[in-house]
Amino acid sequence: MSNFYDNSQPTDSGPTWRLELFQLPSGQIPFATFRDSLDPFETELLDLCILKILAREGNNVCGTNWGKPLGAGLYEFRINRSLTALCKQFGIDDSHELKSGESKLLRVFFTVEGQKIILLLCGYDKGKDPSRRRQHKAIKSARMLLKQHKNRG
């Protein structure tokens, strides 16, 4: 299965949860489609948050403002920071030319599999459409993907 996040060997400074991507029978990977739709700044922000927060905390992010349990094994990872703020938080050089001071609202839907495996289902850019209708549509899509995954298992 294709994966953007090579974390098969966790270290003290790296991920403690393994990240995997849900794949449809057609071969399409909904999370990859979402990630590919982002601009370079948003992709960098998404990757940093997933590797530095979600991959370290797993579904424990739901005990913070980073996550929310949606029920039936579905979770929402919430990104609502700027790249500059995150780089500062993690002591990472922020000298690139990307528009790093802008805050973004991104959402990633995931489930937990077995021992410390995060299965990334899909995501959406809440900043582009913060409406409740869009949010409900995104959650409904994530639930459908989770159901497909469970039916295959």
Foldseek 3Di string as FASTA:
>chain_A
DDDPDPCPDPDPQWFPFAEAFQADPVRDTQAVVALVVDDPQVNVQVVLCCIRPCRHQPQVCCVDPQKNDPDPQKIKGWFFAFQVVSCVVVVHDPPDPPPRRDTFTKIWMWGDDDDRYIYTRHIHGCVVPVDPVVVVVVVVSSVVSVVVVVVVD
